């Protein structure tokens, strides 16, 4: 990424065992994934759209994990 200026000071927005998300003073969001060391820089709007896509994928994974018996629940 030749020609890119390095970002300045970062403020940590959140961090857990999988990811660290910071925002630099230029406004860019940095999403650093601990498992593979990849950091993605994006705008706040791109982060929102990324989250919406990830959330939709997680919802589908969770739906597939719940067994369906195809009937009604009777008490």
N, C-alpha and C. Protein backbone atom coordinates (compact mmCIF):
# COMPACT_ATOMS: atom_id res chain seq x y z
N UNK A 1 0.84 -1.17 0.00
CA UNK A 1 0.00 0.00 0.00
C UNK A 1 0.89 1.24 0.00
N UNK A 2 1.67 1.37 -1.03
CA UNK A 2 2.57 2.50 -1.14
C UNK A 2 1.78 3.80 -1.24
N UNK A 3 2.31 4.82 -0.61
CA UNK A 3 1.66 6.12 -0.68
C UNK A 3 0.65 6.38 0.41
N UNK A 4 0.28 5.36 1.17
CA UNK A 4 -0.66 5.56 2.27
C UNK A 4 0.06 6.20 3.45
N UNK A 5 -0.56 7.19 4.03
CA UNK A 5 0.01 7.82 5.21
C UNK A 5 -0.29 6.95 6.43
N UNK A 6 0.69 6.81 7.34
CA UNK A 6 0.40 6.05 8.56
C UNK A 6 -0.62 6.79 9.42
N UNK A 7 -1.44 6.04 10.07
CA UNK A 7 -2.43 6.65 10.95
C UNK A 7 -1.76 7.12 12.23
N UNK A 8 -2.44 8.00 12.92
CA UNK A 8 -1.92 8.54 14.16
C UNK A 8 -2.37 7.73 15.36
N UNK A 9 -2.58 8.42 16.45
CA UNK A 9 -2.96 7.79 17.71
C UNK A 9 -4.32 7.10 17.60
N UNK A 10 -4.45 5.95 18.25
CA UNK A 10 -5.68 5.16 18.21
C UNK A 10 -6.38 5.18 19.56
N UNK A 11 -7.71 5.13 19.50
CA UNK A 11 -8.55 4.95 20.69
C UNK A 11 -9.19 3.58 20.55
N UNK A 12 -9.04 2.74 21.58
CA UNK A 12 -9.64 1.41 21.52
C UNK A 12 -11.14 1.52 21.73
N UNK A 13 -11.91 0.98 20.78
CA UNK A 13 -13.36 0.96 20.89
C UNK A 13 -13.83 -0.30 21.61
N UNK A 14 -13.19 -1.43 21.30
CA UNK A 14 -13.51 -2.70 21.96
C UNK A 14 -12.42 -3.70 21.66
N UNK A 15 -12.37 -4.73 22.49
CA UNK A 15 -11.40 -5.80 22.29
C UNK A 15 -11.90 -7.05 23.01
N UNK A 16 -11.66 -8.20 22.38
CA UNK A 16 -11.93 -9.48 23.04
C UNK A 16 -10.89 -10.48 22.57
N UNK A 17 -11.09 -11.75 22.82
CA UNK A 17 -10.09 -12.75 22.47
C UNK A 17 -9.93 -12.93 20.96
N UNK A 18 -10.88 -12.45 20.16
CA UNK A 18 -10.84 -12.64 18.71
C UNK A 18 -10.46 -11.39 17.93
N UNK A 19 -10.79 -10.22 18.47
CA UNK A 19 -10.66 -9.00 17.66
C UNK A 19 -10.37 -7.78 18.54
N UNK A 20 -9.69 -6.83 17.96
CA UNK A 20 -9.48 -5.52 18.61
C UNK A 20 -9.89 -4.47 17.59
N UNK A 21 -10.76 -3.55 18.01
CA UNK A 21 -11.24 -2.51 17.10
C UNK A 21 -10.86 -1.16 17.68
N UNK A 22 -10.14 -0.38 16.86
CA UNK A 22 -9.70 0.95 17.29
C UNK A 22 -10.09 1.98 16.24
N UNK A 23 -10.05 3.24 16.64
CA UNK A 23 -10.30 4.33 15.70
C UNK A 23 -9.14 5.31 15.81
N UNK A 24 -8.56 5.68 14.68
CA UNK A 24 -7.44 6.61 14.71
C UNK A 24 -7.97 8.04 14.61
N UNK A 25 -7.08 8.99 14.81
CA UNK A 25 -7.52 10.38 14.84
C UNK A 25 -7.99 10.90 13.48
N UNK A 26 -7.74 10.16 12.39
CA UNK A 26 -8.27 10.57 11.09
C UNK A 26 -9.69 10.06 10.88
N UNK A 27 -10.19 9.23 11.82
CA UNK A 27 -11.57 8.73 11.73
C UNK A 27 -11.69 7.30 11.24
N UNK A 28 -10.62 6.75 10.67
CA UNK A 28 -10.68 5.39 10.15
C UNK A 28 -10.78 4.38 11.30
N UNK A 29 -11.51 3.30 11.05
CA UNK A 29 -11.65 2.21 12.00
C UNK A 29 -10.66 1.11 11.60
N UNK A 30 -9.97 0.55 12.58
CA UNK A 30 -9.03 -0.54 12.34
C UNK A 30 -9.55 -1.77 13.06
N UNK A 31 -9.85 -2.82 12.31
CA UNK A 31 -10.34 -4.08 12.85
C UNK A 31 -9.19 -5.08 12.75
N UNK A 32 -8.61 -5.44 13.89
CA UNK A 32 -7.47 -6.36 13.91
C UNK A 32 -7.92 -7.71 14.45
N UNK A 33 -7.77 -8.74 13.61
CA UNK A 33 -8.16 -10.09 14.00
C UNK A 33 -6.95 -10.81 14.59
N UNK A 34 -7.07 -11.22 15.85
CA UNK A 34 -5.94 -11.81 16.56
C UNK A 34 -5.47 -13.13 15.96
N UNK A 35 -6.38 -13.96 15.49
CA UNK A 35 -6.03 -15.31 15.05
C UNK A 35 -5.05 -15.31 13.89
N UNK A 36 -5.24 -14.40 12.93
CA UNK A 36 -4.37 -14.42 11.76
C UNK A 36 -3.54 -13.14 11.58
N UNK A 37 -3.71 -12.18 12.47
CA UNK A 37 -2.92 -10.95 12.40
C UNK A 37 -3.34 -9.97 11.33
N UNK A 38 -4.47 -10.19 10.71
CA UNK A 38 -4.95 -9.30 9.65
C UNK A 38 -5.63 -8.08 10.26
N UNK A 39 -5.31 -6.91 9.75
CA UNK A 39 -5.99 -5.68 10.15
C UNK A 39 -6.64 -5.07 8.92
N UNK A 40 -7.91 -4.73 9.05
CA UNK A 40 -8.67 -4.11 7.97
C UNK A 40 -9.01 -2.69 8.40
N UNK A 41 -8.70 -1.73 7.53
CA UNK A 41 -9.05 -0.33 7.80
C UNK A 41 -10.31 0.00 7.01
N UNK A 42 -11.25 0.67 7.67
CA UNK A 42 -12.50 1.03 7.00
C UNK A 42 -13.12 2.25 7.64
N UNK A 43 -14.07 2.82 6.95
CA UNK A 43 -14.81 3.96 7.49
C UNK A 43 -15.85 3.44 8.48
N UNK A 44 -16.38 4.32 9.32
CA UNK A 44 -17.45 3.87 10.22
C UNK A 44 -18.66 3.28 9.47
N UNK A 45 -19.02 3.86 8.33
CA UNK A 45 -20.15 3.29 7.56
C UNK A 45 -19.82 1.91 7.02
N UNK A 46 -18.58 1.72 6.58
CA UNK A 46 -18.19 0.39 6.10
C UNK A 46 -18.23 -0.62 7.23
N UNK A 47 -17.84 -0.19 8.45
CA UNK A 47 -17.92 -1.09 9.61
C UNK A 47 -19.37 -1.48 9.88
N UNK A 48 -20.27 -0.52 9.80
CA UNK A 48 -21.70 -0.82 10.01
C UNK A 48 -22.20 -1.84 8.98
N UNK A 49 -21.86 -1.64 7.71
CA UNK A 49 -22.30 -2.57 6.66
C UNK A 49 -21.66 -3.94 6.83
N UNK A 50 -20.39 -3.96 7.23
CA UNK A 50 -19.70 -5.22 7.48
C UNK A 50 -20.38 -5.97 8.61
N UNK A 51 -20.69 -5.24 9.70
CA UNK A 51 -21.37 -5.87 10.84
C UNK A 51 -22.72 -6.45 10.42
N UNK A 52 -23.47 -5.73 9.59
CA UNK A 52 -24.77 -6.23 9.15
C UNK A 52 -24.60 -7.54 8.38
N UNK A 53 -23.57 -7.63 7.53
CA UNK A 53 -23.33 -8.86 6.79
C UNK A 53 -22.90 -10.00 7.70
N UNK A 54 -22.00 -9.71 8.66
CA UNK A 54 -21.56 -10.74 9.60
C UNK A 54 -22.72 -11.22 10.46
N UNK A 55 -23.55 -10.30 10.92
CA UNK A 55 -24.70 -10.64 11.76
C UNK A 55 -25.65 -11.55 10.99
N UNK A 56 -25.91 -11.25 9.73
CA UNK A 56 -26.80 -12.08 8.92
C UNK A 56 -26.23 -13.49 8.76
N UNK A 57 -24.92 -13.59 8.57
CA UNK A 57 -24.29 -14.91 8.44
C UNK A 57 -24.38 -15.69 9.74
N UNK A 58 -24.13 -15.02 10.86
CA UNK A 58 -24.22 -15.68 12.17
C UNK A 58 -25.64 -16.16 12.44
N UNK A 59 -26.62 -15.33 12.09
CA UNK A 59 -28.03 -15.73 12.27
C UNK A 59 -28.34 -17.00 11.48
N UNK A 60 -27.83 -17.09 10.25
CA UNK A 60 -28.08 -18.29 9.43
C UNK A 60 -27.39 -19.50 10.02
N UNK A 61 -26.17 -19.33 10.51
CA UNK A 61 -25.45 -20.44 11.14
C UNK A 61 -26.22 -20.92 12.36
N UNK A 62 -26.69 -19.97 13.16
CA UNK A 62 -27.44 -20.32 14.37
C UNK A 62 -28.76 -21.02 14.05
N UNK A 63 -29.44 -20.59 12.98
CA UNK A 63 -30.69 -21.24 12.58
C UNK A 63 -30.45 -22.68 12.17
N UNK A 64 -29.35 -22.93 11.48
CA UNK A 64 -29.04 -24.29 11.02
C UNK A 64 -28.63 -25.18 12.19
N UNK A 65 -28.14 -24.59 13.28
CA UNK A 65 -27.69 -25.37 14.43
C UNK A 65 -28.85 -25.85 15.30
N UNK A 66 -30.01 -25.24 15.17
CA UNK A 66 -31.17 -25.60 15.99
C UNK A 66 -31.93 -26.70 15.25
N UNK A 67 -32.09 -27.87 15.87
CA UNK A 67 -32.81 -28.95 15.19
C UNK A 67 -34.29 -28.60 15.04
N UNK A 68 -34.84 -28.93 13.93
CA UNK A 68 -36.26 -28.71 13.68
C UNK A 68 -36.96 -30.05 13.61
N UNK A 69 -38.02 -30.19 14.40
CA UNK A 69 -38.76 -31.44 14.42
C UNK A 69 -40.03 -31.36 13.59
N UNK A 70 -40.31 -30.18 13.04
CA UNK A 70 -41.43 -30.05 12.14
C UNK A 70 -42.79 -30.23 12.76
N UNK A 71 -42.94 -29.94 14.01
CA UNK A 71 -44.23 -30.09 14.66
C UNK A 71 -44.51 -28.97 15.62
N UNK A 72 -45.61 -29.08 16.29
CA UNK A 72 -46.02 -28.08 17.26
C UNK A 72 -45.58 -28.54 18.65
N UNK A 73 -45.36 -27.57 19.50
CA UNK A 73 -45.02 -27.87 20.88
C UNK A 73 -46.32 -28.03 21.66
N UNK A 74 -46.46 -29.16 22.33
CA UNK A 74 -47.66 -29.42 23.13
C UNK A 74 -47.22 -29.65 24.56
N UNK A 75 -47.82 -28.93 25.48
CA UNK A 75 -47.47 -29.08 26.91
C UNK A 75 -48.25 -30.17 27.55
